[in-house]
Amino acid sequence: MPNSNDSSALNDAIAKRAYELYLQRGSVSGHELDDWLEAEAELSHAAAEENPTATPVQPVVRRRSNRGDSHSSSNRRV
């Protein structure tokens, strides 16, 4: 299990790459999660090429809520 310094360094590297992706897209906001996941995938792939026996980083995937989702209004009490 990686120590907290390794995790912190990895998160810093992912954040830096995600920011680069944001700048490449013209600094358009609204794609923060996409940038983070893309950066995470790139760095995980690069690390796997350098050390094929290492355990790959498991991405954090969150489902985006759909603002027009009919389930959200059906759970409300009136």
PDB file of N, CA and C in Angstrom:
ATOM      1  N   MET A   1       0.848  -1.179   0.000  1.00  0.00           N
ATOM      2  CA  MET A   1       0.000   0.000   0.000  1.00  0.00           C
ATOM      3  C   MET A   1       0.892   1.239   0.000  1.00  0.00           C
ATOM      4  N   PRO A   2       0.603   2.216  -0.906  1.00  0.00           N
ATOM      5  CA  PRO A   2       1.453   3.396  -0.965  1.00  0.00           C
ATOM      6  C   PRO A   2       1.272   4.261   0.267  1.00  0.00           C
ATOM      7  N   ASN A   3       2.366   4.934   0.656  1.00  0.00           N
ATOM      8  CA  ASN A   3       2.253   5.819   1.814  1.00  0.00           C
ATOM      9  C   ASN A   3       1.620   7.140   1.390  1.00  0.00           C
ATOM     10  N   SER A   4       1.335   7.994   2.351  1.00  0.00           N
ATOM     11  CA  SER A   4       0.629   9.239   2.053  1.00  0.00           C
ATOM     12  C   SER A   4       1.457  10.183   1.191  1.00  0.00           C
ATOM     13  N   ASN A   5       2.783  10.115   1.293  1.00  0.00           N
ATOM     14  CA  ASN A   5       3.632  10.957   0.445  1.00  0.00           C
ATOM     15  C   ASN A   5       3.508  10.554  -1.015  1.00  0.00           C
ATOM     16  N   ASP A   6       3.429   9.237  -1.289  1.00  0.00           N
ATOM     17  CA  ASP A   6       3.245   8.759  -2.651  1.00  0.00           C
ATOM     18  C   ASP A   6       1.893   9.205  -3.189  1.00  0.00           C
ATOM     19  N   SER A   7       0.859   9.088  -2.378  1.00  0.00           N
ATOM     20  CA  SER A   7      -0.489   9.491  -2.791  1.00  0.00           C
ATOM     21  C   SER A   7      -0.545  10.984  -3.062  1.00  0.00           C
ATOM     22  N   SER A   8       0.095  11.752  -2.204  1.00  0.00           N
ATOM     23  CA  SER A   8       0.115  13.199  -2.365  1.00  0.00           C
ATOM     24  C   SER A   8       0.851  13.594  -3.647  1.00  0.00           C
ATOM     25  N   ALA A   9       1.967  12.950  -3.901  1.00  0.00           N
ATOM     26  CA  ALA A   9       2.738  13.236  -5.110  1.00  0.00           C
ATOM     27  C   ALA A   9       1.943  12.850  -6.352  1.00  0.00           C
ATOM     28  N   LEU A  10       1.253  11.726  -6.293  1.00  0.00           N
ATOM     29  CA  LEU A  10       0.435  11.294  -7.423  1.00  0.00           C
ATOM     30  C   LEU A  10      -0.709  12.274  -7.665  1.00  0.00           C
ATOM     31  N   ASN A  11      -1.390  12.684  -6.603  1.00  0.00           N
ATOM     32  CA  ASN A  11      -2.484  13.648  -6.745  1.00  0.00           C
ATOM     33  C   ASN A  11      -1.977  14.974  -7.300  1.00  0.00           C
ATOM     34  N   ASP A  12      -0.798  15.403  -6.871  1.00  0.00           N
ATOM     35  CA  ASP A  12      -0.210  16.638  -7.390  1.00  0.00           C
ATOM     36  C   ASP A  12       0.086  16.508  -8.886  1.00  0.00           C
ATOM     37  N   ALA A  13       0.621  15.366  -9.289  1.00  0.00           N
ATOM     38  CA  ALA A  13       0.929  15.139 -10.699  1.00  0.00           C
ATOM     39  C   ALA A  13      -0.346  15.097 -11.535  1.00  0.00           C
ATOM     40  N   ILE A  14      -1.378  14.454 -11.021  1.00  0.00           N
ATOM     41  CA  ILE A  14      -2.655  14.394 -11.730  1.00  0.00           C
ATOM     42  C   ILE A  14      -3.252  15.793 -11.854  1.00  0.00           C
ATOM     43  N   ALA A  15      -3.214  16.558 -10.759  1.00  0.00           N
ATOM     44  CA  ALA A  15      -3.760  17.919 -10.782  1.00  0.00           C
ATOM     45  C   ALA A  15      -3.017  18.791 -11.794  1.00  0.00           C
ATOM     46  N   LYS A  16      -1.689  18.647 -11.843  1.00  0.00           N
ATOM     47  CA  LYS A  16      -0.899  19.437 -12.791  1.00  0.00           C
ATOM     48  C   LYS A  16      -1.274  19.082 -14.231  1.00  0.00           C
ATOM     49  N   ARG A  17      -1.385  17.788 -14.512  1.00  0.00           N
ATOM     50  CA  ARG A  17      -1.724  17.366 -15.874  1.00  0.00           C
ATOM     51  C   ARG A  17      -3.165  17.766 -16.226  1.00  0.00           C
ATOM     52  N   ALA A  18      -4.073  17.666 -15.263  1.00  0.00           N
ATOM     53  CA  ALA A  18      -5.464  18.074 -15.507  1.00  0.00           C
ATOM     54  C   ALA A  18      -5.523  19.563 -15.834  1.00  0.00           C
ATOM     55  N   TYR A  19      -4.716  20.357 -15.158  1.00  0.00           N
ATOM     56  CA  TYR A  19      -4.664  21.793 -15.440  1.00  0.00           C
ATOM     57  C   TYR A  19      -4.113  22.050 -16.838  1.00  0.00           C
ATOM     58  N   GLU A  20      -3.117  21.289 -17.240  1.00  0.00           N
ATOM     59  CA  GLU A  20      -2.583  21.418 -18.601  1.00  0.00           C
ATOM     60  C   GLU A  20      -3.663  21.108 -19.641  1.00  0.00           C
ATOM     61  N   LEU A  21      -4.455  20.067 -19.385  1.00  0.00           N
ATOM     62  CA  LEU A  21      -5.542  19.722 -20.299  1.00  0.00           C
ATOM     63  C   LEU A  21      -6.576  20.844 -20.362  1.00  0.00           C
ATOM     64  N   TYR A  22      -6.867  21.436 -19.224  1.00  0.00           N
ATOM     65  CA  TYR A  22      -7.788  22.572 -19.149  1.00  0.00           C
ATOM     66  C   TYR A  22      -7.278  23.733 -20.008  1.00  0.00           C
ATOM     67  N   LEU A  23      -5.991  24.030 -19.897  1.00  0.00           N
ATOM     68  CA  LEU A  23      -5.411  25.111 -20.687  1.00  0.00           C
ATOM     69  C   LEU A  23      -5.429  24.785 -22.178  1.00  0.00           C
ATOM     70  N   GLN A  24      -5.159  23.529 -22.526  1.00  0.00           N
ATOM     71  CA  GLN A  24      -5.159  23.117 -23.928  1.00  0.00           C
ATOM     72  C   GLN A  24      -6.549  23.271 -24.559  1.00  0.00           C
ATOM     73  N   ARG A  25      -7.578  23.131 -23.753  1.00  0.00           N
ATOM     74  CA  ARG A  25      -8.944  23.256 -24.243  1.00  0.00           C
ATOM     75  C   ARG A  25      -9.386  24.712 -24.315  1.00  0.00           C
ATOM     76  N   GLY A  26      -8.511  25.629 -23.968  1.00  0.00           N
ATOM     77  CA  GLY A  26      -8.836  27.043 -24.029  1.00  0.00           C
ATOM     78  C   GLY A  26      -9.418  27.575 -22.732  1.00  0.00           C
ATOM     79  N   SER A  27      -9.118  26.943 -21.622  1.00  0.00           N
ATOM     80  CA  SER A  27      -9.572  27.368 -20.291  1.00  0.00           C
ATOM     81  C   SER A  27     -11.095  27.415 -20.173  1.00  0.00           C
ATOM     82  N   VAL A  28     -11.755  26.477 -20.836  1.00  0.00           N
ATOM     83  CA  VAL A  28     -13.212  26.377 -20.759  1.00  0.00           C
ATOM     84  C   VAL A  28     -13.564  25.541 -19.536  1.00  0.00           C
ATOM     85  N   SER A  29     -14.339  26.120 -18.631  1.00  0.00           N
ATOM     86  CA  SER A  29     -14.704  25.392 -17.415  1.00  0.00           C
ATOM     87  C   SER A  29     -15.846  24.423 -17.694  1.00  0.00           C
ATOM     88  N   GLY A  30     -16.099  23.556 -16.729  1.00  0.00           N
ATOM     89  CA  GLY A  30     -17.179  22.591 -16.853  1.00  0.00           C
ATOM     90  C   GLY A  30     -16.718  21.185 -17.196  1.00  0.00           C
ATOM     91  N   HIS A  31     -15.414  21.006 -17.379  1.00  0.00           N
ATOM     92  CA  HIS A  31     -14.872  19.690 -17.746  1.00  0.00           C
ATOM     93  C   HIS A  31     -13.835  19.218 -16.741  1.00  0.00           C
ATOM     94  N   GLU A  32     -13.953  19.676 -15.503  1.00  0.00           N
ATOM     95  CA  GLU A  32     -12.942  19.382 -14.493  1.00  0.00           C
ATOM     96  C   GLU A  32     -12.794  17.882 -14.248  1.00  0.00           C
ATOM     97  N   LEU A  33     -13.911  17.191 -14.131  1.00  0.00           N
ATOM     98  CA  LEU A  33     -13.861  15.749 -13.893  1.00  0.00           C
ATOM     99  C   LEU A  33     -13.263  15.026 -15.093  1.00  0.00           C
ATOM    100  N   ASP A  34     -13.656  15.435 -16.283  1.00  0.00           N
ATOM    101  CA  ASP A  34     -13.098  14.828 -17.493  1.00  0.00           C
ATOM    102  C   ASP A  34     -11.584  15.015 -17.543  1.00  0.00           C
ATOM    103  N   ASP A  35     -11.129  16.219 -17.216  1.00  0.00           N
ATOM    104  CA  ASP A  35      -9.688  16.498 -17.223  1.00  0.00           C
ATOM    105  C   ASP A  35      -8.965  15.651 -16.186  1.00  0.00           C
ATOM    106  N   TRP A  36      -9.551  15.541 -14.993  1.00  0.00           N
ATOM    107  CA  TRP A  36      -8.923  14.756 -13.925  1.00  0.00           C
ATOM    108  C   TRP A  36      -8.806  13.288 -14.342  1.00  0.00           C
ATOM    109  N   LEU A  37      -9.898  12.730 -14.866  1.00  0.00           N
ATOM    110  CA  LEU A  37      -9.887  11.318 -15.248  1.00  0.00           C
ATOM    111  C   LEU A  37      -8.933  11.059 -16.410  1.00  0.00           C
ATOM    112  N   GLU A  38      -8.861  11.977 -17.359  1.00  0.00           N
ATOM    113  CA  GLU A  38      -7.930  11.841 -18.477  1.00  0.00           C
ATOM    114  C   GLU A  38      -6.491  11.889 -17.973  1.00  0.00           C
ATOM    115  N   ALA A  39      -6.196  12.833 -17.083  1.00  0.00           N
ATOM    116  CA  ALA A  39      -4.849  12.939 -16.525  1.00  0.00           C
ATOM    117  C   ALA A  39      -4.493  11.686 -15.741  1.00  0.00           C
ATOM    118  N   GLU A  40      -5.443  11.202 -14.952  1.00  0.00           N
ATOM    119  CA  GLU A  40      -5.226   9.992 -14.158  1.00  0.00           C
ATOM    120  C   GLU A  40      -4.929   8.796 -15.069  1.00  0.00           C
ATOM    121  N   ALA A  41      -5.678   8.677 -16.157  1.00  0.00           N
ATOM    122  CA  ALA A  41      -5.473   7.576 -17.095  1.00  0.00           C
ATOM    123  C   ALA A  41      -4.112   7.685 -17.783  1.00  0.00           C
ATOM    124  N   GLU A  42      -3.748   8.887 -18.203  1.00  0.00           N
ATOM    125  CA  GLU A  42      -2.445   9.088 -18.857  1.00  0.00           C
ATOM    126  C   GLU A  42      -1.290   8.714 -17.930  1.00  0.00           C
ATOM    127  N   LEU A  43      -1.354   9.191 -16.701  1.00  0.00           N
ATOM    128  CA  LEU A  43      -0.267   8.925 -15.758  1.00  0.00           C
ATOM    129  C   LEU A  43      -0.220   7.453 -15.358  1.00  0.00           C
ATOM    130  N   SER A  44      -1.375   6.830 -15.242  1.00  0.00           N
ATOM    131  CA  SER A  44      -1.421   5.410 -14.912  1.00  0.00           C
ATOM    132  C   SER A  44      -0.817   4.588 -16.050  1.00  0.00           C
ATOM    133  N   HIS A  45      -1.149   4.963 -17.277  1.00  0.00           N
ATOM    134  CA  HIS A  45      -0.618   4.263 -18.448  1.00  0.00           C
ATOM    135  C   HIS A  45       0.902   4.435 -18.536  1.00  0.00           C
ATOM    136  N   ALA A  46       1.365   5.655 -18.306  1.00  0.00           N
ATOM    137  CA  ALA A  46       2.809   5.923 -18.351  1.00  0.00           C
ATOM    138  C   ALA A  46       3.540   5.142 -17.264  1.00  0.00           C
ATOM    139  N   ALA A  47       2.951   5.074 -16.074  1.00  0.00           N
ATOM    140  CA  ALA A  47       3.581   4.329 -14.977  1.00  0.00           C
ATOM    141  C   ALA A  47       3.615   2.841 -15.286  1.00  0.00           C
ATOM    142  N   ALA A  48       2.568   2.325 -15.913  1.00  0.00           N
ATOM    143  CA  ALA A  48       2.522   0.902 -16.261  1.00  0.00           C
ATOM    144  C   ALA A  48       3.574   0.555 -17.299  1.00  0.00           C
ATOM    145  N   GLU A  49       3.847   1.479 -18.220  1.00  0.00           N
ATOM    146  CA  GLU A  49       4.889   1.229 -19.218  1.00  0.00           C
ATOM    147  C   GLU A  49       6.276   1.217 -18.580  1.00  0.00           C
ATOM    148  N   GLU A  50       6.481   2.070 -17.578  1.00  0.00           N
ATOM    149  CA  GLU A  50       7.770   2.130 -16.897  1.00  0.00           C
ATOM    150  C   GLU A  50       8.003   0.923 -16.000  1.00  0.00           C
ATOM    151  N   ASN A  51       6.941   0.439 -15.357  1.00  0.00           N
ATOM    152  CA  ASN A  51       7.047  -0.668 -14.418  1.00  0.00           C
ATOM    153  C   ASN A  51       5.856  -1.614 -14.630  1.00  0.00           C
ATOM    154  N   PRO A  52       5.982  -2.570 -15.562  1.00  0.00           N
ATOM    155  CA  PRO A  52       4.856  -3.445 -15.893  1.00  0.00           C
ATOM    156  C   PRO A  52       4.360  -4.321 -14.743  1.00  0.00           C
ATOM    157  N   THR A  53       5.164  -4.508 -13.704  1.00  0.00           N
ATOM    158  CA  THR A  53       4.742  -5.353 -12.592  1.00  0.00           C
ATOM    159  C   THR A  53       4.004  -4.580 -11.504  1.00  0.00           C
ATOM    160  N   ALA A  54       3.955  -3.252 -11.622  1.00  0.00           N
ATOM    161  CA  ALA A  54       3.289  -2.419 -10.611  1.00  0.00           C
ATOM    162  C   ALA A  54       1.778  -2.552 -10.722  1.00  0.00           C
ATOM    163  N   THR A  55       1.109  -2.367  -9.607  1.00  0.00           N
ATOM    164  CA  THR A  55      -0.352  -2.383  -9.585  1.00  0.00           C
ATOM    165  C   THR A  55      -0.856  -1.075 -10.189  1.00  0.00           C
ATOM    166  N   PRO A  56      -1.729  -1.136 -11.197  1.00  0.00           N
ATOM    167  CA  PRO A  56      -2.206   0.089 -11.827  1.00  0.00           C
ATOM    168  C   PRO A  56      -3.097   0.904 -10.884  1.00  0.00           C
ATOM    169  N   VAL A  57      -3.120   2.201 -11.115  1.00  0.00           N
ATOM    170  CA  VAL A  57      -3.983   3.095 -10.339  1.00  0.00           C
ATOM    171  C   VAL A  57      -5.420   2.859 -10.779  1.00  0.00           C
ATOM    172  N   GLN A  58      -6.284   2.653  -9.808  1.00  0.00           N
ATOM    173  CA  GLN A  58      -7.696   2.483 -10.120  1.00  0.00           C
ATOM    174  C   GLN A  58      -8.356   3.851 -10.157  1.00  0.00           C
ATOM    175  N   PRO A  59      -8.951   4.227 -11.298  1.00  0.00           N
ATOM    176  CA  PRO A  59      -9.551   5.548 -11.393  1.00  0.00           C
ATOM    177  C   PRO A  59     -10.780   5.675 -10.511  1.00  0.00           C
ATOM    178  N   VAL A  60     -11.010   6.884 -10.070  1.00  0.00           N
ATOM    179  CA  VAL A  60     -12.209   7.189  -9.307  1.00  0.00           C
ATOM    180  C   VAL A  60     -13.249   7.640 -10.310  1.00  0.00           C
ATOM    181  N   VAL A  61     -14.319   6.880 -10.423  1.00  0.00           N
ATOM    182  CA  VAL A  61     -15.354   7.205 -11.395  1.00  0.00           C
ATOM    183  C   VAL A  61     -16.626   7.542 -10.644  1.00  0.00           C
ATOM    184  N   ARG A  62     -17.130   8.703 -10.916  1.00  0.00           N
ATOM    185  CA  ARG A  62     -18.372   9.140 -10.299  1.00  0.00           C
ATOM    186  C   ARG A  62     -19.402   9.358 -11.389  1.00  0.00           C
ATOM    187  N   ARG A  63     -20.597   8.936 -11.121  1.00  0.00           N
ATOM    188  CA  ARG A  63     -21.667   9.124 -12.086  1.00  0.00           C
ATOM    189  C   ARG A  63     -22.148  10.557 -11.996  1.00  0.00           C
ATOM    190  N   ARG A  64     -22.228  11.197 -13.133  1.00  0.00           N
ATOM    191  CA  ARG A  64     -22.756  12.555 -13.161  1.00  0.00           C
ATOM    192  C   ARG A  64     -24.264  12.504 -13.047  1.00  0.00           C
ATOM    193  N   SER A  65     -24.802  13.380 -12.236  1.00  0.00           N
ATOM    194  CA  SER A  65     -26.249  13.422 -12.111  1.00  0.00           C
ATOM    195  C   SER A  65     -26.820  14.193 -13.289  1.00  0.00           C
ATOM    196  N   ASN A  66     -27.928  13.734 -13.749  1.00  0.00           N
ATOM    197  CA  ASN A  66     -28.624  14.383 -14.844  1.00  0.00           C
ATOM    198  C   ASN A  66     -29.642  15.332 -14.230  1.00  0.00           C
ATOM    199  N   ARG A  67     -29.502  16.604 -14.465  1.00  0.00           N
ATOM    200  CA  ARG A  67     -30.375  17.582 -13.827  1.00  0.00           C
ATOM    201  C   ARG A  67     -31.837  17.396 -14.211  1.00  0.00           C
ATOM    202  N   GLY A  68     -32.094  16.813 -15.356  1.00  0.00           N
ATOM    203  CA  GLY A  68     -33.463  16.580 -15.784  1.00  0.00           C
ATOM    204  C   GLY A  68     -33.956  15.204 -15.405  1.00  0.00           C
ATOM    205  N   ASP A  69     -33.222  14.536 -14.520  1.00  0.00           N
ATOM    206  CA  ASP A  69     -33.557  13.177 -14.121  1.00  0.00           C
ATOM    207  C   ASP A  69     -34.914  13.140 -13.434  1.00  0.00           C
ATOM    208  N   SER A  70     -35.803  12.276 -13.907  1.00  0.00           N
ATOM    209  CA  SER A  70     -37.157  12.198 -13.356  1.00  0.00           C
ATOM    210  C   SER A  70     -37.168  11.592 -11.963  1.00  0.00           C
ATOM    211  N   HIS A  71     -36.120  10.857 -11.596  1.00  0.00           N
ATOM    212  CA  HIS A  71     -36.077  10.234 -10.277  1.00  0.00           C
ATOM    213  C   HIS A  71     -35.956  11.270  -9.162  1.00  0.00           C
ATOM    214  N   SER A  72     -35.297  12.378  -9.448  1.00  0.00           N
ATOM    215  CA  SER A  72     -35.072  13.362  -8.397  1.00  0.00           C
ATOM    216  C   SER A  72     -36.383  14.012  -7.939  1.00  0.00           C
ATOM    217  N   SER A  73     -37.317  14.204  -8.859  1.00  0.00           N
ATOM    218  CA  SER A  73     -38.564  14.830  -8.467  1.00  0.00           C
ATOM    219  C   SER A  73     -39.547  13.833  -7.872  1.00  0.00           C
ATOM    220  N   SER A  74     -39.396  12.548  -8.196  1.00  0.00           N
ATOM    221  CA  SER A  74     -40.330  11.548  -7.688  1.00  0.00           C
ATOM    222  C   SER A  74     -40.083  11.213  -6.218  1.00  0.00           C
ATOM    223  N   ASN A  75     -38.905  11.573  -5.700  1.00  0.00           N
ATOM    224  CA  ASN A  75     -38.578  11.271  -4.303  1.00  0.00           C
ATOM    225  C   ASN A  75     -38.935  12.417  -3.366  1.00  0.00           C
ATOM    226  N   ARG A  76     -39.422  13.495  -3.887  1.00  0.00           N
ATOM    227  CA  ARG A  76     -39.764  14.643  -3.054  1.00  0.00           C
ATOM    228  C   ARG A  76     -41.163  14.492  -2.467  1.00  0.00           C
ATOM    229  N   ARG A  77     -41.279  14.966  -1.266  1.00  0.00           N
ATOM    230  CA  ARG A  77     -42.601  15.011  -0.632  1.00  0.00           C
ATOM    231  C   ARG A  77     -43.216  16.364  -0.912  1.00  0.00           C
ATOM    232  N   VAL A  78     -44.489  16.354  -1.153  1.00  0.00           N
ATOM    233  CA  VAL A  78     -45.185  17.604  -1.447  1.00  0.00           C
ATOM    234  C   VAL A  78     -46.061  17.998  -0.308  1.00  0.00           C
TER     235      VAL A  78
END
